[in-house]
N, C-alpha and C. Protein backbone atom coordinates (compact mmCIF):
# COMPACT_ATOMS: atom_id res chain seq x y z
N MET A 1 0.84 -1.22 0.00
CA MET A 1 0.00 0.00 0.00
C MET A 1 0.87 1.26 0.00
N TRP A 2 1.95 1.22 0.81
CA TRP A 2 2.81 2.39 0.92
C TRP A 2 4.13 2.20 0.20
N GLY A 3 4.35 1.00 -0.35
CA GLY A 3 5.61 0.73 -1.01
C GLY A 3 6.74 0.75 0.00
N ALA A 4 7.82 1.42 -0.35
CA ALA A 4 8.97 1.51 0.54
C ALA A 4 8.83 2.62 1.57
N LYS A 5 7.78 3.38 1.48
CA LYS A 5 7.58 4.52 2.37
C LYS A 5 6.97 4.08 3.70
N GLU A 6 7.28 4.85 4.72
CA GLU A 6 6.67 4.64 6.03
C GLU A 6 5.22 5.13 5.98
N PRO A 7 4.26 4.33 6.48
CA PRO A 7 2.86 4.79 6.50
C PRO A 7 2.74 6.11 7.24
N PRO A 8 1.87 6.98 6.82
CA PRO A 8 1.72 8.28 7.49
C PRO A 8 1.25 8.12 8.93
N ARG A 9 1.50 9.13 9.73
CA ARG A 9 1.10 9.09 11.14
C ARG A 9 -0.40 8.86 11.28
N LEU A 10 -1.18 9.45 10.42
CA LEU A 10 -2.62 9.27 10.49
C LEU A 10 -3.02 7.81 10.39
N TYR A 11 -2.29 7.07 9.56
CA TYR A 11 -2.60 5.65 9.39
C TYR A 11 -2.34 4.91 10.70
N HIS A 12 -1.25 5.23 11.37
CA HIS A 12 -0.95 4.59 12.65
C HIS A 12 -2.02 4.92 13.69
N ILE A 13 -2.52 6.14 13.66
CA ILE A 13 -3.59 6.54 14.59
C ILE A 13 -4.84 5.71 14.31
N TRP A 14 -5.18 5.57 13.05
CA TRP A 14 -6.37 4.79 12.67
C TRP A 14 -6.22 3.32 13.07
N VAL A 15 -5.05 2.75 12.82
CA VAL A 15 -4.80 1.35 13.19
C VAL A 15 -4.86 1.18 14.71
N GLY A 16 -4.24 2.11 15.43
CA GLY A 16 -4.26 2.03 16.88
C GLY A 16 -5.66 2.13 17.46
N MET A 17 -6.45 3.01 16.88
CA MET A 17 -7.84 3.18 17.30
C MET A 17 -8.61 1.89 17.11
N ARG A 18 -8.45 1.27 15.96
CA ARG A 18 -9.14 0.01 15.66
C ARG A 18 -8.66 -1.11 16.58
N SER A 19 -7.37 -1.15 16.86
CA SER A 19 -6.84 -2.19 17.72
C SER A 19 -7.37 -2.08 19.14
N ARG A 20 -7.44 -0.88 19.68
CA ARG A 20 -7.94 -0.69 21.04
C ARG A 20 -9.40 -1.11 21.17
N CYS A 21 -10.14 -0.94 20.09
CA CYS A 21 -11.58 -1.24 20.14
C CYS A 21 -11.93 -2.66 19.72
N ARG A 22 -11.04 -3.32 18.97
CA ARG A 22 -11.41 -4.60 18.37
C ARG A 22 -10.51 -5.77 18.74
N CYS A 23 -9.30 -5.49 19.17
CA CYS A 23 -8.34 -6.57 19.41
C CYS A 23 -8.22 -6.85 20.92
N LYS A 24 -8.68 -8.02 21.33
CA LYS A 24 -8.69 -8.35 22.75
C LYS A 24 -7.29 -8.53 23.33
N THR A 25 -6.30 -8.70 22.48
CA THR A 25 -4.93 -8.84 22.97
C THR A 25 -4.24 -7.48 23.15
N ASN A 26 -4.88 -6.41 22.73
CA ASN A 26 -4.33 -5.07 22.94
C ASN A 26 -4.33 -4.77 24.44
N PRO A 27 -3.22 -4.29 25.00
CA PRO A 27 -3.15 -4.02 26.44
C PRO A 27 -4.19 -3.04 26.94
N ARG A 28 -4.72 -2.21 26.04
CA ARG A 28 -5.70 -1.20 26.45
C ARG A 28 -7.13 -1.56 26.01
N TYR A 29 -7.31 -2.78 25.54
CA TYR A 29 -8.64 -3.19 25.07
C TYR A 29 -9.70 -3.03 26.17
N HIS A 30 -9.33 -3.33 27.41
CA HIS A 30 -10.32 -3.26 28.49
C HIS A 30 -10.84 -1.84 28.71
N GLN A 31 -10.05 -0.83 28.28
CA GLN A 31 -10.48 0.56 28.43
C GLN A 31 -11.34 1.04 27.26
N TYR A 32 -11.36 0.26 26.19
CA TYR A 32 -12.07 0.67 24.98
C TYR A 32 -13.08 -0.39 24.55
N GLY A 33 -12.66 -1.32 23.70
CA GLY A 33 -13.58 -2.35 23.24
C GLY A 33 -14.18 -3.16 24.37
N GLY A 34 -13.39 -3.37 25.43
CA GLY A 34 -13.87 -4.15 26.55
C GLY A 34 -15.02 -3.53 27.29
N ARG A 35 -15.20 -2.23 27.17
CA ARG A 35 -16.36 -1.59 27.81
C ARG A 35 -17.31 -0.97 26.79
N GLY A 36 -17.25 -1.51 25.56
CA GLY A 36 -18.26 -1.15 24.58
C GLY A 36 -17.95 -0.01 23.64
N ILE A 37 -16.72 0.53 23.68
CA ILE A 37 -16.37 1.63 22.78
C ILE A 37 -16.14 1.06 21.38
N ARG A 38 -16.79 1.64 20.40
CA ARG A 38 -16.70 1.17 19.02
C ARG A 38 -16.25 2.31 18.11
N ILE A 39 -16.02 1.97 16.84
CA ILE A 39 -15.63 2.96 15.83
C ILE A 39 -16.77 3.11 14.84
N TRP A 40 -17.09 4.34 14.52
CA TRP A 40 -18.15 4.63 13.56
C TRP A 40 -17.91 3.84 12.27
N SER A 41 -18.97 3.22 11.75
CA SER A 41 -18.83 2.36 10.57
C SER A 41 -18.29 3.11 9.36
N GLY A 42 -18.54 4.41 9.29
CA GLY A 42 -18.05 5.20 8.17
C GLY A 42 -16.54 5.32 8.12
N TRP A 43 -15.87 4.98 9.22
CA TRP A 43 -14.41 5.00 9.26
C TRP A 43 -13.82 3.60 9.09
N GLY A 44 -14.58 2.71 8.51
CA GLY A 44 -14.09 1.36 8.27
C GLY A 44 -12.93 1.32 7.30
N LYS A 45 -12.85 2.29 6.42
CA LYS A 45 -11.74 2.42 5.47
C LYS A 45 -10.87 3.60 5.88
N PHE A 46 -9.55 3.42 5.78
CA PHE A 46 -8.64 4.48 6.20
C PHE A 46 -8.87 5.77 5.43
N ALA A 47 -9.17 5.67 4.14
CA ALA A 47 -9.34 6.87 3.31
C ALA A 47 -10.44 7.77 3.88
N ALA A 48 -11.51 7.17 4.38
CA ALA A 48 -12.61 7.96 4.93
C ALA A 48 -12.16 8.67 6.21
N PHE A 49 -11.43 7.96 7.07
CA PHE A 49 -10.92 8.56 8.30
C PHE A 49 -9.94 9.68 7.97
N ARG A 50 -9.05 9.44 7.00
CA ARG A 50 -8.06 10.45 6.59
C ARG A 50 -8.74 11.71 6.08
N ASP A 51 -9.77 11.55 5.26
CA ASP A 51 -10.47 12.71 4.70
C ASP A 51 -11.12 13.53 5.82
N TRP A 52 -11.72 12.84 6.78
CA TRP A 52 -12.33 13.57 7.90
C TRP A 52 -11.26 14.31 8.69
N ALA A 53 -10.16 13.62 8.99
CA ALA A 53 -9.09 14.23 9.80
C ALA A 53 -8.53 15.49 9.14
N LEU A 54 -8.22 15.39 7.86
CA LEU A 54 -7.63 16.53 7.16
C LEU A 54 -8.60 17.69 7.00
N SER A 55 -9.88 17.40 7.08
CA SER A 55 -10.90 18.44 6.96
C SER A 55 -11.31 19.01 8.31
N ASN A 56 -10.75 18.44 9.38
CA ASN A 56 -11.18 18.86 10.72
C ASN A 56 -10.01 19.18 11.64
N GLY A 57 -8.96 19.79 11.06
CA GLY A 57 -7.92 20.37 11.89
C GLY A 57 -6.75 19.48 12.24
N TYR A 58 -6.62 18.32 11.60
CA TYR A 58 -5.49 17.45 11.94
C TYR A 58 -4.15 18.12 11.67
N ALA A 59 -3.21 17.89 12.59
CA ALA A 59 -1.82 18.30 12.42
C ALA A 59 -0.96 17.26 13.11
N ASP A 60 0.31 17.16 12.70
CA ASP A 60 1.16 16.10 13.22
C ASP A 60 1.47 16.23 14.70
N ASP A 61 1.21 17.38 15.30
CA ASP A 61 1.47 17.53 16.73
C ASP A 61 0.19 17.38 17.56
N LEU A 62 -0.88 16.92 16.93
CA LEU A 62 -2.15 16.74 17.62
C LEU A 62 -2.49 15.25 17.73
N THR A 63 -3.40 14.95 18.63
CA THR A 63 -3.86 13.57 18.81
C THR A 63 -5.38 13.55 18.87
N ILE A 64 -5.97 12.41 18.55
CA ILE A 64 -7.42 12.32 18.50
C ILE A 64 -7.99 12.21 19.92
N GLU A 65 -9.09 12.89 20.17
CA GLU A 65 -9.71 12.91 21.49
C GLU A 65 -11.21 12.72 21.36
N ARG A 66 -11.77 11.86 22.19
CA ARG A 66 -13.23 11.73 22.27
C ARG A 66 -13.75 12.70 23.33
N ASP A 67 -14.69 13.53 22.97
CA ASP A 67 -15.23 14.50 23.92
C ASP A 67 -15.93 13.81 25.08
N LYS A 68 -16.68 12.76 24.79
CA LYS A 68 -17.40 12.00 25.81
C LYS A 68 -16.74 10.64 25.91
N ILE A 69 -16.09 10.37 27.05
CA ILE A 69 -15.26 9.18 27.16
C ILE A 69 -16.04 7.88 27.12
N ASN A 70 -17.36 7.93 27.31
CA ASN A 70 -18.16 6.71 27.28
C ASN A 70 -18.85 6.51 25.94
N GLU A 71 -18.54 7.36 24.96
CA GLU A 71 -19.15 7.22 23.64
C GLU A 71 -18.10 6.81 22.60
N ASN A 72 -18.57 6.44 21.43
CA ASN A 72 -17.71 5.85 20.40
C ASN A 72 -16.81 6.87 19.70
N TYR A 73 -15.86 6.33 18.95
CA TYR A 73 -15.09 7.15 18.01
C TYR A 73 -16.00 7.46 16.82
N SER A 74 -16.29 8.71 16.61
CA SER A 74 -17.15 9.12 15.50
C SER A 74 -16.89 10.59 15.21
N PRO A 75 -17.30 11.08 14.04
CA PRO A 75 -17.07 12.49 13.71
C PRO A 75 -17.67 13.46 14.72
N ARG A 76 -18.82 13.13 15.26
CA ARG A 76 -19.48 14.07 16.19
C ARG A 76 -18.86 14.04 17.59
N ASN A 77 -18.08 12.99 17.90
CA ASN A 77 -17.52 12.87 19.24
C ASN A 77 -16.01 13.03 19.29
N CYS A 78 -15.38 13.26 18.14
CA CYS A 78 -13.92 13.33 18.10
C CYS A 78 -13.41 14.69 17.61
N ARG A 79 -12.24 15.05 18.09
CA ARG A 79 -11.57 16.27 17.64
C ARG A 79 -10.07 16.08 17.83
N TRP A 80 -9.28 17.02 17.33
CA TRP A 80 -7.83 16.95 17.42
C TRP A 80 -7.33 17.96 18.44
N ILE A 81 -6.53 17.49 19.41
CA ILE A 81 -6.06 18.35 20.48
C ILE A 81 -4.58 18.05 20.77
N PRO A 82 -3.86 18.97 21.43
CA PRO A 82 -2.48 18.71 21.84
C PRO A 82 -2.42 17.56 22.85
N ARG A 83 -1.32 16.84 22.86
CA ARG A 83 -1.19 15.71 23.77
C ARG A 83 -1.34 16.11 25.23
N GLY A 84 -0.79 17.26 25.60
CA GLY A 84 -0.89 17.70 26.98
C GLY A 84 -2.32 17.90 27.42
N GLU A 85 -3.14 18.43 26.53
CA GLU A 85 -4.55 18.64 26.86
C GLU A 85 -5.26 17.31 26.99
N GLN A 86 -4.88 16.33 26.18
CA GLN A 86 -5.52 15.02 26.27
C GLN A 86 -5.27 14.39 27.63
N ALA A 87 -4.05 14.54 28.14
CA ALA A 87 -3.74 13.98 29.45
C ALA A 87 -4.64 14.56 30.53
N LYS A 88 -4.96 15.86 30.42
CA LYS A 88 -5.83 16.49 31.40
C LYS A 88 -7.26 15.98 31.30
N ASN A 89 -7.64 15.50 30.12
CA ASN A 89 -9.01 15.07 29.91
C ASN A 89 -9.24 13.61 30.25
N ARG A 90 -8.19 12.88 30.60
CA ARG A 90 -8.36 11.47 30.94
C ARG A 90 -9.20 11.35 32.19
N THR A 91 -9.85 10.19 32.34
CA THR A 91 -10.73 9.97 33.48
C THR A 91 -10.03 10.24 34.79
N THR A 92 -8.77 9.78 34.92
CA THR A 92 -8.09 9.91 36.19
C THR A 92 -7.67 11.34 36.49
N SER A 93 -7.79 12.26 35.54
CA SER A 93 -7.42 13.65 35.76
C SER A 93 -8.65 14.56 35.88
N LYS A 94 -9.82 14.01 35.75
CA LYS A 94 -11.03 14.82 35.77
C LYS A 94 -11.35 15.27 37.20
N HIS A 95 -12.11 16.34 37.30
CA HIS A 95 -12.57 16.86 38.57
C HIS A 95 -14.06 16.59 38.71
N TYR A 96 -14.46 16.14 39.89
CA TYR A 96 -15.86 15.87 40.17
C TYR A 96 -16.30 16.76 41.33
N THR A 97 -17.54 17.22 41.26
CA THR A 97 -18.09 18.05 42.33
C THR A 97 -19.31 17.37 42.93
N LEU A 98 -19.32 17.23 44.24
CA LEU A 98 -20.44 16.63 44.95
C LEU A 98 -20.74 17.48 46.18
N ASN A 99 -21.99 17.93 46.27
CA ASN A 99 -22.41 18.76 47.41
C ASN A 99 -21.50 19.97 47.61
N GLY A 100 -21.09 20.56 46.49
CA GLY A 100 -20.28 21.77 46.55
C GLY A 100 -18.80 21.54 46.77
N GLU A 101 -18.37 20.29 46.88
CA GLU A 101 -16.96 19.97 47.09
C GLU A 101 -16.36 19.39 45.82
N THR A 102 -15.26 19.96 45.36
CA THR A 102 -14.61 19.53 44.12
C THR A 102 -13.25 18.92 44.43
N LYS A 103 -13.02 17.74 43.86
CA LYS A 103 -11.74 17.06 43.99
C LYS A 103 -11.39 16.42 42.66
N THR A 104 -10.12 16.09 42.47
CA THR A 104 -9.72 15.32 41.29
C THR A 104 -10.18 13.88 41.47
N HIS A 105 -10.15 13.16 40.36
CA HIS A 105 -10.52 11.74 40.39
C HIS A 105 -9.69 10.99 41.43
N SER A 106 -8.39 11.20 41.41
CA SER A 106 -7.50 10.50 42.35
C SER A 106 -7.78 10.90 43.79
N ASP A 107 -8.05 12.19 44.01
CA ASP A 107 -8.33 12.65 45.38
C ASP A 107 -9.63 12.07 45.91
N TRP A 108 -10.64 11.97 45.04
CA TRP A 108 -11.90 11.35 45.47
C TRP A 108 -11.67 9.88 45.82
N ALA A 109 -10.86 9.19 45.02
CA ALA A 109 -10.59 7.77 45.29
C ALA A 109 -9.94 7.61 46.66
N ARG A 110 -8.96 8.45 46.96
CA ARG A 110 -8.31 8.38 48.28
C ARG A 110 -9.28 8.73 49.39
N PHE A 111 -10.10 9.75 49.17
CA PHE A 111 -11.07 10.18 50.17
C PHE A 111 -12.07 9.08 50.49
N LEU A 112 -12.47 8.32 49.46
CA LEU A 112 -13.47 7.27 49.63
C LEU A 112 -12.87 5.94 50.07
N GLY A 113 -11.53 5.87 50.04
CA GLY A 113 -10.88 4.65 50.47
C GLY A 113 -10.91 3.53 49.44
N MET A 114 -10.78 3.89 48.17
CA MET A 114 -10.77 2.89 47.11
C MET A 114 -9.65 3.22 46.13
N THR A 115 -9.37 2.28 45.23
CA THR A 115 -8.34 2.54 44.23
C THR A 115 -8.90 3.44 43.14
N SER A 116 -8.00 4.10 42.42
CA SER A 116 -8.41 4.93 41.30
C SER A 116 -9.13 4.11 40.24
N GLY A 117 -8.65 2.88 40.01
CA GLY A 117 -9.29 2.01 39.03
C GLY A 117 -10.71 1.64 39.42
N SER A 118 -10.94 1.41 40.72
CA SER A 118 -12.29 1.08 41.18
C SER A 118 -13.24 2.26 40.96
N LEU A 119 -12.75 3.47 41.23
CA LEU A 119 -13.58 4.65 41.02
C LEU A 119 -13.86 4.86 39.53
N THR A 120 -12.86 4.61 38.68
CA THR A 120 -13.06 4.72 37.24
C THR A 120 -14.17 3.78 36.79
N TYR A 121 -14.14 2.55 37.27
CA TYR A 121 -15.17 1.56 36.92
C TYR A 121 -16.55 2.05 37.35
N ARG A 122 -16.65 2.57 38.55
CA ARG A 122 -17.95 3.03 39.04
C ARG A 122 -18.47 4.22 38.25
N VAL A 123 -17.58 5.17 37.94
CA VAL A 123 -18.00 6.34 37.17
C VAL A 123 -18.51 5.93 35.80
N GLN A 124 -17.79 5.02 35.15
CA GLN A 124 -18.16 4.59 33.81
C GLN A 124 -19.47 3.81 33.80
N LYS A 125 -19.71 3.04 34.86
CA LYS A 125 -20.90 2.19 34.89
C LYS A 125 -22.13 2.87 35.49
N TYR A 126 -21.91 3.70 36.54
CA TYR A 126 -23.06 4.23 37.26
C TYR A 126 -23.21 5.75 37.17
N GLY A 127 -22.18 6.46 36.68
CA GLY A 127 -22.23 7.91 36.67
C GLY A 127 -21.53 8.48 37.89
N VAL A 128 -21.18 9.77 37.83
CA VAL A 128 -20.36 10.38 38.88
C VAL A 128 -21.06 10.39 40.23
N GLU A 129 -22.30 10.86 40.29
CA GLU A 129 -22.97 11.01 41.58
C GLU A 129 -23.10 9.67 42.30
N ALA A 130 -23.53 8.64 41.58
CA ALA A 130 -23.67 7.32 42.20
C ALA A 130 -22.31 6.77 42.61
N ALA A 131 -21.30 6.99 41.78
CA ALA A 131 -19.96 6.47 42.08
C ALA A 131 -19.41 7.06 43.37
N LEU A 132 -19.74 8.33 43.63
CA LEU A 132 -19.19 9.01 44.81
C LEU A 132 -20.03 8.79 46.06
N THR A 133 -21.23 8.27 45.91
CA THR A 133 -22.11 8.12 47.08
C THR A 133 -22.42 6.68 47.45
N MET A 134 -22.23 5.73 46.54
CA MET A 134 -22.53 4.34 46.89
C MET A 134 -21.51 3.83 47.90
N PRO A 135 -21.94 2.92 48.75
CA PRO A 135 -21.05 2.43 49.82
C PRO A 135 -19.79 1.77 49.27
N VAL A 136 -18.74 1.87 50.07
CA VAL A 136 -17.47 1.20 49.75
C VAL A 136 -17.38 -0.03 50.64
N LYS A 137 -17.14 -1.18 50.01
CA LYS A 137 -17.04 -2.40 50.80
C LYS A 137 -15.82 -2.35 51.70
N THR A 138 -15.97 -2.83 52.90
CA THR A 138 -14.88 -2.87 53.87
C THR A 138 -14.77 -4.28 54.42
N PRO A 139 -13.65 -4.62 55.08
CA PRO A 139 -13.52 -5.95 55.65
C PRO A 139 -14.70 -6.28 56.56
N GLY A 140 -15.34 -7.40 56.30
CA GLY A 140 -16.50 -7.79 57.09
C GLY A 140 -17.79 -7.20 56.57
N ASN A 141 -17.74 -6.30 55.59
CA ASN A 141 -18.94 -5.69 55.03
C ASN A 141 -19.83 -5.13 56.14
N LEU A 142 -19.26 -4.32 57.02
CA LEU A 142 -20.00 -3.78 58.14
C LEU A 142 -20.87 -2.61 57.72
N ILE A 143 -22.07 -2.55 58.27
CA ILE A 143 -22.99 -1.44 58.03
C ILE A 143 -23.48 -0.96 59.39
N THR A 144 -23.39 0.36 59.60
CA THR A 144 -23.88 0.95 60.84
C THR A 144 -25.12 1.76 60.55
N LEU A 145 -26.19 1.46 61.24
CA LEU A 145 -27.45 2.18 61.05
C LEU A 145 -27.97 2.59 62.42
N ASP A 146 -28.02 3.91 62.66
CA ASP A 146 -28.50 4.45 63.93
C ASP A 146 -27.79 3.83 65.12
N GLY A 147 -26.47 3.69 64.99
CA GLY A 147 -25.67 3.21 66.10
C GLY A 147 -25.54 1.70 66.20
N ILE A 148 -26.21 0.95 65.34
CA ILE A 148 -26.13 -0.51 65.37
C ILE A 148 -25.25 -0.97 64.22
N THR A 149 -24.20 -1.71 64.51
CA THR A 149 -23.26 -2.17 63.49
C THR A 149 -23.35 -3.68 63.33
N LEU A 150 -23.66 -4.12 62.13
CA LEU A 150 -23.75 -5.54 61.81
C LEU A 150 -23.16 -5.76 60.42
N ASN A 151 -22.76 -6.99 60.12
CA ASN A 151 -22.33 -7.28 58.76
C ASN A 151 -23.54 -7.67 57.91
N TYR A 152 -23.31 -7.91 56.61
CA TYR A 152 -24.42 -8.19 55.71
C TYR A 152 -25.25 -9.38 56.19
N SER A 153 -24.57 -10.45 56.61
CA SER A 153 -25.29 -11.66 57.04
C SER A 153 -26.14 -11.39 58.27
N GLN A 154 -25.60 -10.62 59.21
CA GLN A 154 -26.36 -10.32 60.43
C GLN A 154 -27.57 -9.45 60.15
N TRP A 155 -27.39 -8.44 59.25
CA TRP A 155 -28.55 -7.63 58.87
C TRP A 155 -29.58 -8.51 58.16
N GLY A 156 -29.10 -9.42 57.32
CA GLY A 156 -30.01 -10.31 56.62
C GLY A 156 -30.82 -11.17 57.57
N GLN A 157 -30.17 -11.73 58.58
CA GLN A 157 -30.87 -12.57 59.56
C GLN A 157 -31.89 -11.75 60.35
N ARG A 158 -31.50 -10.53 60.70
CA ARG A 158 -32.39 -9.69 61.50
C ARG A 158 -33.61 -9.25 60.72
N LEU A 159 -33.42 -9.01 59.41
CA LEU A 159 -34.49 -8.44 58.60
C LEU A 159 -35.18 -9.45 57.69
N GLY A 160 -34.65 -10.66 57.64
CA GLY A 160 -35.26 -11.65 56.76
C GLY A 160 -34.92 -11.44 55.31
N LEU A 161 -33.71 -10.91 55.06
CA LEU A 161 -33.25 -10.67 53.69
C LEU A 161 -31.99 -11.49 53.45
N ALA A 162 -31.80 -11.91 52.20
CA ALA A 162 -30.57 -12.62 51.84
C ALA A 162 -29.40 -11.64 51.84
N LYS A 163 -28.22 -12.12 52.24
CA LYS A 163 -27.03 -11.28 52.25
C LYS A 163 -26.76 -10.70 50.86
N ASN A 164 -26.91 -11.53 49.83
CA ASN A 164 -26.66 -11.07 48.46
C ASN A 164 -27.66 -10.00 48.03
N THR A 165 -28.88 -10.05 48.59
CA THR A 165 -29.88 -9.03 48.26
C THR A 165 -29.43 -7.67 48.80
N ILE A 166 -28.96 -7.66 50.03
CA ILE A 166 -28.47 -6.41 50.61
C ILE A 166 -27.27 -5.90 49.82
N SER A 167 -26.33 -6.78 49.50
CA SER A 167 -25.14 -6.38 48.76
C SER A 167 -25.49 -5.78 47.41
N ALA A 168 -26.42 -6.42 46.68
CA ALA A 168 -26.81 -5.93 45.36
C ALA A 168 -27.50 -4.58 45.45
N ARG A 169 -28.33 -4.39 46.47
CA ARG A 169 -29.06 -3.13 46.59
C ARG A 169 -28.14 -1.98 46.98
N LEU A 170 -27.08 -2.27 47.72
CA LEU A 170 -26.16 -1.22 48.11
C LEU A 170 -25.41 -0.63 46.92
N MET A 171 -25.40 -1.35 45.79
CA MET A 171 -24.75 -0.83 44.59
C MET A 171 -25.60 0.24 43.92
N LYS A 172 -26.90 0.30 44.26
CA LYS A 172 -27.80 1.22 43.56
C LYS A 172 -28.56 2.15 44.51
N ARG A 173 -28.59 1.82 45.81
CA ARG A 173 -29.42 2.58 46.73
C ARG A 173 -28.63 3.01 47.96
N SER A 174 -29.22 3.91 48.71
CA SER A 174 -28.60 4.31 49.97
C SER A 174 -28.71 3.16 50.97
N VAL A 175 -27.96 3.27 52.06
CA VAL A 175 -27.97 2.21 53.06
C VAL A 175 -29.36 1.98 53.62
N GLU A 176 -30.03 3.08 54.02
CA GLU A 176 -31.34 2.91 54.64
C GLU A 176 -32.35 2.29 53.68
N ASP A 177 -32.28 2.66 52.39
CA ASP A 177 -33.19 2.07 51.41
C ASP A 177 -32.86 0.60 51.17
N ALA A 178 -31.59 0.29 51.07
CA ALA A 178 -31.17 -1.07 50.77
C ALA A 178 -31.61 -2.04 51.86
N ILE A 179 -31.54 -1.61 53.09
CA ILE A 179 -31.88 -2.49 54.20
C ILE A 179 -33.37 -2.52 54.46
N ALA A 180 -34.03 -1.37 54.31
CA ALA A 180 -35.41 -1.27 54.79
C ALA A 180 -36.49 -1.33 53.73
N MET A 181 -36.14 -1.36 52.45
CA MET A 181 -37.16 -1.17 51.41
C MET A 181 -38.25 -2.23 51.44
N GLU A 182 -37.92 -3.45 51.88
CA GLU A 182 -38.94 -4.49 51.90
C GLU A 182 -39.65 -4.59 53.25
N LYS A 183 -39.24 -3.77 54.20
CA LYS A 183 -39.80 -3.89 55.54
C LYS A 183 -40.99 -2.97 55.78
N GLY A 184 -41.37 -2.21 54.75
CA GLY A 184 -42.58 -1.41 54.84
C GLY A 184 -42.46 -0.17 55.68
N ILE A 185 -41.24 0.32 55.94
CA ILE A 185 -41.12 1.44 56.87
C ILE A 185 -41.64 2.73 56.28
N TYR A 186 -41.78 2.83 54.96
CA TYR A 186 -42.30 4.04 54.36
C TYR A 186 -43.82 4.00 54.23
N ASP A 187 -44.40 2.87 54.63
CA ASP A 187 -45.85 2.69 54.58
C ASP A 187 -46.38 2.81 56.02
N LYS A 188 -47.14 3.85 56.31
CA LYS A 188 -47.60 4.09 57.66
C LYS A 188 -48.38 2.91 58.23
N ASP A 189 -49.05 2.14 57.36
CA ASP A 189 -49.85 1.01 57.81
C ASP A 189 -49.00 -0.22 58.10
N SER A 190 -47.68 -0.14 57.81
CA SER A 190 -46.85 -1.33 57.95
C SER A 190 -45.65 -1.10 58.87
N ARG A 191 -45.72 -0.08 59.71
CA ARG A 191 -44.57 0.22 60.55
C ARG A 191 -44.25 -0.92 61.53
N GLU A 192 -45.26 -1.74 61.86
CA GLU A 192 -44.98 -2.84 62.75
C GLU A 192 -44.03 -3.86 62.13
N ARG A 193 -43.81 -3.77 60.80
CA ARG A 193 -42.90 -4.69 60.12
C ARG A 193 -41.44 -4.26 60.27
N ASP A 194 -41.23 -3.10 60.85
CA ASP A 194 -39.87 -2.60 61.09
C ASP A 194 -39.38 -3.21 62.41
N PRO A 195 -38.51 -4.22 62.38
CA PRO A 195 -38.12 -4.92 63.60
C PRO A 195 -37.34 -4.09 64.60
N LEU A 196 -36.71 -3.00 64.14
CA LEU A 196 -35.94 -2.16 65.05
C LEU A 196 -36.69 -0.89 65.44
N GLY A 197 -37.63 -0.49 64.60
CA GLY A 197 -38.36 0.73 64.86
C GLY A 197 -37.54 1.97 64.68
N ARG A 198 -36.43 1.86 63.91
CA ARG A 198 -35.51 2.99 63.81
C ARG A 198 -35.18 3.39 62.38
N PHE A 199 -35.65 2.65 61.38
CA PHE A 199 -35.17 2.86 60.03
C PHE A 199 -35.64 4.15 59.38
N ALA A 200 -36.65 4.80 59.96
CA ALA A 200 -37.13 6.05 59.37
C ALA A 200 -36.31 7.24 59.84
N LYS A 201 -35.24 6.97 60.58
CA LYS A 201 -34.37 8.05 61.04
C LYS A 201 -33.73 8.76 59.85
N ALA A 202 -33.22 9.95 60.09
CA ALA A 202 -32.57 10.70 59.03
C ALA A 202 -31.31 10.00 58.56
N ALA A 203 -30.96 10.23 57.31
CA ALA A 203 -29.79 9.57 56.73
C ALA A 203 -28.50 9.97 57.45
N GLY A 204 -28.53 11.04 58.19
CA GLY A 204 -27.36 11.46 58.91
C GLY A 204 -26.93 10.47 59.97
N ASN A 205 -27.81 9.53 60.35
CA ASN A 205 -27.46 8.53 61.35
C ASN A 205 -26.90 7.27 60.72
N VAL A 206 -26.66 7.29 59.41
CA VAL A 206 -26.23 6.09 58.71
C VAL A 206 -24.76 6.20 58.32
N ALA A 207 -24.03 5.11 58.50
CA ALA A 207 -22.63 5.08 58.07
C ALA A 207 -22.31 3.68 57.58
N VAL A 208 -21.30 3.60 56.73
CA VAL A 208 -20.85 2.31 56.21
C VAL A 208 -19.40 2.14 56.57
N GLY A 209 -19.00 0.91 56.98
CA GLY A 209 -17.59 0.64 57.21
C GLY A 209 -17.26 0.40 58.67
N GLY A 210 -18.26 0.40 59.54
CA GLY A 210 -17.99 0.06 60.94
C GLY A 210 -18.16 1.24 61.84
N PRO A 211 -18.06 1.03 63.14
CA PRO A 211 -18.29 2.10 64.13
C PRO A 211 -17.37 3.27 63.93
N GLY A 212 -17.93 4.45 64.05
CA GLY A 212 -17.14 5.65 64.03
C GLY A 212 -16.71 6.12 62.67
N LYS A 213 -17.07 5.40 61.57
CA LYS A 213 -16.67 5.84 60.23
C LYS A 213 -17.85 6.45 59.52
N ALA A 214 -17.72 7.71 59.09
CA ALA A 214 -18.83 8.40 58.46
C ALA A 214 -18.92 8.01 57.02
């Protein structure tokens, strides 16, 4: 195709993009194809990708960037930017704001007591707000509710719920909802089904991770 000449840089970019999205042996596949990132069908041929690039600001000192990291490579989601700017736009360099507090991705991970990779997974799957507010599993899976600390199995025995049910609900709901949703505490006619009589307390009395941890 290129004869004795070295393929142009654009060709390497196109090949690399396809490899990240389609080749399971690519070291970065899990960040792209492994989580559903695809390439627009119109870029199936290099010539089409090249024509778009040259018509949309490509230069040899720029790199391709997806504006929305959870969407595909496509004309509407891609642009050309300096490498330094791309580094700032990576998931691990982004800033998130929750309840008026802004931290970097890495700072939030440290604050929540999880790895940066775990936070990246949560953000990509559940969105920023859920990722920053869902409980973090701790040794023993301890949950404290209104001063009572039990592990998943103990809460399950007390409330008549399976341990796995509580664990699954904690991925999508607050602690009080996950534990109490089947006990009828939000139904005035069913308050007698609340075995502790305390679940309607304010969320400020709830903590995850054991005694004394907010």
